[in-house]
Protein backbone atom coordinates (compact mmCIF):
# COMPACT_ATOMS: atom_id res chain seq x y z
CA MET A 1 12.57 16.63 26.93
CA ALA A 2 12.96 15.88 23.28
CA LYS A 3 13.04 12.33 21.69
CA LYS A 4 16.38 11.27 20.11
CA SER A 5 16.87 12.33 16.60
CA GLY A 6 15.93 9.64 13.97
CA LEU A 7 13.72 7.57 16.22
CA ASP A 8 10.19 6.83 15.30
CA ARG A 9 7.49 7.15 17.83
CA TYR A 10 7.58 3.46 19.17
CA SER A 11 11.36 3.46 19.27
CA ALA A 12 11.39 6.82 21.15
CA ILE A 13 9.06 5.49 23.78
CA ILE A 14 10.76 2.10 24.23
CA ASP A 15 14.21 3.84 24.28
CA ARG A 16 12.93 6.21 27.14
CA VAL A 17 11.53 3.24 29.11
CA PHE A 18 14.71 1.18 28.79
CA PHE A 19 17.11 4.03 30.09
CA ALA A 20 14.83 5.02 32.82
CA HIS A 21 15.67 1.60 34.48
CA PHE A 22 18.96 0.53 32.96
CA ALA A 23 22.34 0.99 34.68
CA PRO A 24 25.68 -0.44 33.58
CA GLY A 25 25.98 -4.18 34.79
CA ARG A 26 22.21 -4.67 35.02
CA THR A 27 21.23 -7.74 32.97
CA GLU A 28 17.39 -7.62 33.63
CA PHE A 29 14.80 -5.33 35.12
CA GLU A 30 11.08 -4.86 35.03
CA PHE A 31 8.79 -2.02 33.84
CA THR A 32 5.05 -1.40 33.36
CA ARG A 33 2.96 -0.33 30.45
CA ASP A 34 1.61 2.50 32.43
CA GLU A 35 4.88 4.42 32.04
CA PHE A 36 4.17 4.94 28.39
CA GLU A 37 1.68 7.86 28.90
CA ASN A 38 4.04 9.86 30.99
CA ILE A 39 6.93 9.24 28.63
CA ALA A 40 4.86 10.20 25.61
CA GLU A 41 3.75 13.45 27.20
CA ARG A 42 7.20 14.38 28.23
CA LEU A 43 8.49 13.66 24.76
CA ALA A 44 5.65 15.71 23.23
CA ILE A 45 4.57 12.80 20.98
CA LYS A 46 1.11 11.33 20.34
CA LEU A 47 0.51 8.25 22.52
CA PRO A 48 -0.34 5.19 20.33
CA LYS A 49 -3.98 4.02 20.70
CA ASN A 50 -2.79 0.35 21.10
CA LEU A 51 -0.02 0.44 23.73
CA GLY A 52 0.36 -3.35 23.45
CA ASP A 53 1.42 -2.92 19.79
CA VAL A 54 4.50 -0.92 20.88
CA LEU A 55 5.75 -4.00 22.81
CA TYR A 56 4.54 -6.60 20.33
CA SER A 57 6.51 -4.86 17.62
CA PHE A 58 9.80 -5.10 19.50
CA ARG A 59 9.07 -8.48 20.94
CA TYR A 60 8.41 -10.12 17.50
CA ARG A 61 8.92 -7.83 14.55
CA LYS A 62 11.21 -4.91 14.99
CA LYS A 63 14.83 -4.52 16.20
CA LEU A 64 15.24 -2.55 19.32
CA PRO A 65 16.92 0.88 18.91
CA ASP A 66 20.64 0.97 18.33
CA SER A 67 21.12 2.77 21.70
CA ILE A 68 19.63 -0.13 23.52
CA ARG A 69 21.40 -2.95 21.59
CA ALA A 70 24.70 -1.25 22.18
CA THR A 71 24.35 -1.85 25.95
CA ALA A 72 24.09 -5.66 25.53
CA GLY A 73 27.13 -7.83 26.35
CA LYS A 74 29.04 -9.97 23.82
CA GLY A 75 26.99 -12.76 22.41
CA VAL A 76 23.81 -11.67 24.04
CA GLU A 77 20.85 -9.41 23.26
CA TRP A 78 17.95 -7.66 25.07
CA VAL A 79 14.62 -9.41 24.90
CA ILE A 80 11.28 -8.27 26.32
CA GLU A 81 9.37 -10.82 28.28
CA GLY A 82 5.88 -10.69 29.86
CA ALA A 83 6.16 -10.41 33.75
CA GLY A 84 2.44 -10.35 34.59
CA ARG A 85 -0.60 -8.26 33.75
CA GLY A 86 0.68 -5.04 32.43
CA ARG A 87 4.21 -5.76 33.52
CA TYR A 88 7.28 -6.60 31.28
CA ARG A 89 10.90 -7.50 31.75
CA PHE A 90 14.02 -6.55 29.74
CA ARG A 91 16.48 -9.36 30.03
CA GLN A 92 19.72 -10.27 28.27
CA ALA A 93 19.54 -13.59 26.61
CA LYS A 94 21.89 -15.50 24.29
CA ILE A 95 21.52 -14.50 20.56
CA ASN A 96 19.58 -17.32 18.98
CA ARG A 97 17.62 -17.30 15.70
CA ILE A 98 15.69 -19.97 13.96
CA VAL A 99 16.32 -19.70 10.24
CA PRO A 100 15.78 -22.44 7.55
CA ARG A 101 18.96 -24.42 6.74
CA ASP A 102 20.22 -24.16 3.20
CA ASP A 103 21.38 -27.75 2.89
CA LEU A 104 18.17 -29.45 3.67
CA VAL A 105 16.16 -31.47 1.07
CA THR A 106 12.80 -30.15 -0.06
CA LEU A 107 9.89 -32.53 -0.23
CA LYS A 108 7.19 -32.05 -2.78
CA ILE A 109 3.63 -32.08 -1.45
CA PRO A 110 0.46 -32.03 -3.71
CA ASP A 111 -0.96 -28.57 -3.23
CA ALA A 112 -4.42 -28.79 -1.64
CA THR A 113 -4.78 -24.98 -0.96
CA PRO A 114 -8.10 -23.82 -2.44
CA GLU A 115 -7.50 -21.19 -5.16
CA ILE A 116 -9.87 -18.73 -3.49
CA ILE A 117 -7.64 -18.79 -0.46
CA ASN A 118 -4.63 -18.02 -2.59
CA ALA A 119 -6.58 -15.09 -4.22
CA TYR A 120 -7.85 -13.46 -0.98
CA ALA A 121 -5.29 -14.20 1.76
CA GLN A 122 -4.63 -10.64 3.32
CA SER A 123 -1.17 -11.27 4.68
CA ASP A 124 1.83 -13.54 4.54
CA GLU A 125 1.08 -14.87 8.06
CA GLN A 126 -2.58 -15.62 7.11
CA ALA A 127 -1.61 -17.21 3.82
CA LEU A 128 0.94 -19.42 5.60
CA LEU A 129 -1.42 -20.60 8.25
CA ALA A 130 -3.97 -21.57 5.56
CA LYS A 131 -1.53 -23.40 3.40
CA VAL A 132 -0.30 -25.35 6.56
CA ARG A 133 -3.95 -26.10 7.50
CA TYR A 134 -5.22 -27.21 4.05
CA ASN A 135 -2.20 -29.29 3.17
CA ARG A 136 -2.21 -31.10 6.64
CA LEU A 137 1.44 -30.13 7.03
CA VAL A 138 1.34 -30.36 10.81
CA ASP A 139 0.04 -34.06 10.51
CA ILE A 140 2.80 -34.91 7.86
CA PHE A 141 5.46 -33.15 9.80
CA LEU A 142 4.82 -34.50 13.29
CA GLY A 143 3.37 -37.87 12.20
CA ILE A 144 0.02 -37.36 14.06
CA ALA A 145 -3.50 -36.80 13.33
CA ALA A 146 -3.95 -33.08 14.05
CA TYR A 147 -6.96 -30.69 13.97
CA SER A 148 -6.94 -27.03 14.16
CA LEU A 149 -8.57 -25.90 17.42
CA GLN A 150 -8.45 -22.17 17.42
CA ASN A 151 -6.80 -19.39 15.44
CA HIS A 152 -5.07 -16.34 17.04
CA LEU A 153 -5.71 -17.43 20.61
CA ARG A 154 -5.25 -14.38 22.90
CA THR A 155 -5.15 -15.30 26.60
CA THR A 156 -3.53 -14.44 29.73
CA VAL A 157 -0.83 -16.58 31.36
CA ALA A 158 0.08 -16.35 35.05
CA ASP A 159 3.48 -14.51 35.58
CA ILE A 160 3.70 -13.63 31.85
CA GLY A 161 0.64 -11.66 31.02
CA GLN A 162 -1.26 -11.45 27.78
CA ILE A 163 0.04 -13.53 24.91
CA GLU A 164 -1.19 -14.57 21.39
CA VAL A 165 -0.57 -17.89 19.61
CA ASP A 166 -1.26 -17.75 15.87
CA GLU A 167 -3.01 -21.24 15.69
CA ILE A 168 -3.40 -24.18 18.11
CA TYR A 169 -3.89 -27.82 17.07
CA ALA A 170 -4.94 -30.70 19.00
CA GLY A 171 -3.60 -34.13 17.85
CA ILE A 172 -3.47 -37.81 18.56
CA ASP A 173 -1.11 -40.60 17.57
CA ARG A 174 -1.50 -44.40 17.02
CA HIS A 175 -0.61 -45.16 20.71
CA GLY A 176 -3.55 -42.85 21.79
CA ARG A 177 -1.19 -40.06 23.13
CA GLN A 178 -2.88 -36.65 22.85
CA PHE A 179 -1.02 -33.51 21.89
CA VAL A 180 -1.47 -29.79 21.87
CA VAL A 181 0.56 -27.97 19.07
CA PRO A 182 1.03 -24.21 19.14
CA VAL A 183 1.88 -23.04 15.74
CA GLN A 184 3.41 -19.71 15.06
CA ALA A 185 3.73 -18.37 11.45
CA LYS A 186 6.66 -16.24 10.36
CA GLY A 187 6.21 -14.28 7.16
CA GLY A 188 8.60 -11.82 5.65
CA SER A 189 11.70 -10.99 7.79
CA ASP A 190 10.14 -12.12 11.03
CA GLN A 191 12.30 -14.53 13.13
CA ARG A 192 11.37 -16.56 16.08
CA GLY A 193 13.22 -16.44 19.43
CA ALA A 194 13.08 -18.40 22.66
CA VAL A 195 10.72 -15.93 24.38
CA GLN A 196 7.78 -16.72 22.12
CA THR A 197 8.36 -20.48 22.41
CA GLN A 198 8.59 -20.26 26.26
CA GLN A 199 5.22 -18.35 26.13
CA ASP A 200 3.59 -20.94 23.92
CA ILE A 201 4.69 -23.84 26.12
CA ALA A 202 3.59 -21.91 29.34
CA CYS A 203 0.17 -21.31 27.75
CA CYS A 204 -0.28 -25.04 26.80
CA GLN A 205 0.82 -26.13 30.28
CA ALA A 206 -1.80 -23.85 31.78
CA LYS A 207 -4.77 -24.46 29.33
CA PHE A 208 -4.00 -28.18 28.39
CA PRO A 209 -2.05 -29.66 31.25
CA THR A 210 -2.87 -33.26 30.36
CA LEU A 211 -1.73 -32.96 26.67
CA ILE A 212 1.84 -33.31 25.30
CA CYS A 213 3.10 -29.82 24.04
CA ARG A 214 5.01 -29.83 20.66
CA PRO A 215 5.60 -26.20 19.56
CA VAL A 216 5.92 -25.68 15.85
CA SER A 217 7.14 -22.82 13.86
CA ALA A 218 6.21 -22.31 10.20
CA GLN A 219 8.12 -19.95 7.85
CA PHE A 220 7.79 -19.04 4.18
CA MET A 221 11.07 -19.65 2.13
CA SER A 222 9.25 -18.73 -1.00
CA GLU A 223 5.64 -18.54 -2.14
CA THR A 224 5.38 -22.24 -2.45
CA ARG A 225 8.18 -23.47 -0.15
CA ILE A 226 7.56 -23.73 3.59
CA ALA A 227 9.94 -24.69 6.42
CA LEU A 228 8.66 -26.34 9.48
CA PHE A 229 10.39 -26.55 12.87
CA GLU A 230 9.57 -28.49 16.00
CA LEU A 231 11.08 -26.50 18.79
CA ALA A 232 11.99 -26.92 22.46
CA VAL A 233 13.64 -24.78 25.15
CA GLU A 234 16.57 -26.05 27.11
CA ASP A 235 18.34 -23.88 29.67
CA GLY A 236 16.59 -20.88 28.32
CA GLU A 237 17.90 -21.43 24.88
CA LEU A 238 15.85 -22.35 21.83
CA LYS A 239 16.59 -25.61 20.18
CA VAL A 240 15.39 -27.22 16.95
CA VAL A 241 14.01 -30.70 17.48
CA GLU A 242 13.31 -31.45 13.80
CA GLU A 243 13.18 -29.37 10.63
CA ARG A 244 11.59 -30.17 7.33
CA HIS A 245 11.13 -28.29 4.15
CA TYR A 246 8.03 -28.70 1.91
CA ARG A 247 7.21 -27.44 -1.61
CA LEU A 248 3.53 -27.24 -2.50
CA VAL A 249 3.17 -28.23 -6.24
CA PRO A 250 0.49 -29.67 -8.65
CA ALA A 251 0.32 -33.43 -8.21
CA ALA A 252 1.47 -33.93 -11.81
CA GLU A 253 4.82 -32.30 -10.86
CA ILE A 254 5.59 -35.09 -8.51
CA SER A 255 7.47 -37.66 -10.71
CA PRO A 256 8.08 -41.43 -10.17
CA ASP A 257 11.74 -40.52 -9.52
CA ASP A 258 10.63 -38.12 -6.72
CA LEU A 259 8.52 -41.12 -5.15
CA ARG A 260 11.27 -43.55 -5.44
CA ALA A 261 13.62 -41.10 -3.72
CA TYR A 262 11.16 -40.55 -0.88
CA ALA A 263 10.71 -44.28 -0.52
CA THR A 264 14.40 -44.78 -0.16
CA ARG A 265 14.74 -42.07 2.42
CA ALA A 266 11.76 -43.21 4.55
CA ARG A 267 12.59 -44.11 8.09
CA PRO A 268 11.17 -47.22 9.66
């Protein structure tokens, strides 16, 4: 059995997994990661050392092969969900992507990012998380006092399996309410879907059951411009609760006119 022409190694494996279970009319089905070894052997391709990266790539970064996407119904797409330890689920879900609005005002924020961080950040995601942290953007955006609790939390959630959250904040407001804020950073062409937010919420409910969960997504719009979204999931669909855009600038670039404009727009 040969792999389909034009498919890379990851795509060839996920394509074979999909069509081993798919039948016309099916909108969801489960599979296991253990299937990868046999498929790689049958396709005569080298098995990736990190099997989880195959799934991570298609869940968060890469598009599924055209052969898989062509089987989805109108207005829906195939997503891969965790279904327990070592188990996953292909499911058709409504197409929904969170991207920054073009018509939203951008607020200038004095850039507090240390120069050494700008010089040595190794990736868009790492740089984005650092800028959000050093400029207290979670605090500003949500209106709470927030503190970074852990970076790149990898954990296992019942009925989902292993997940990773880019950064988790703990926060408190003036009424004493306490919050847990899972933050996912999106750099480059990455886009966030409902599956990732559902996982973040499930993780927070399991690990921090007494705290109010407020999922946030951060995305670079340019090197100094950042979009933040507070998200929620309703009826399986990803919804934007709030969106704000911030530009990190030297303090001298924030003019009196800017400050007067912000004062006028401020909500009670």
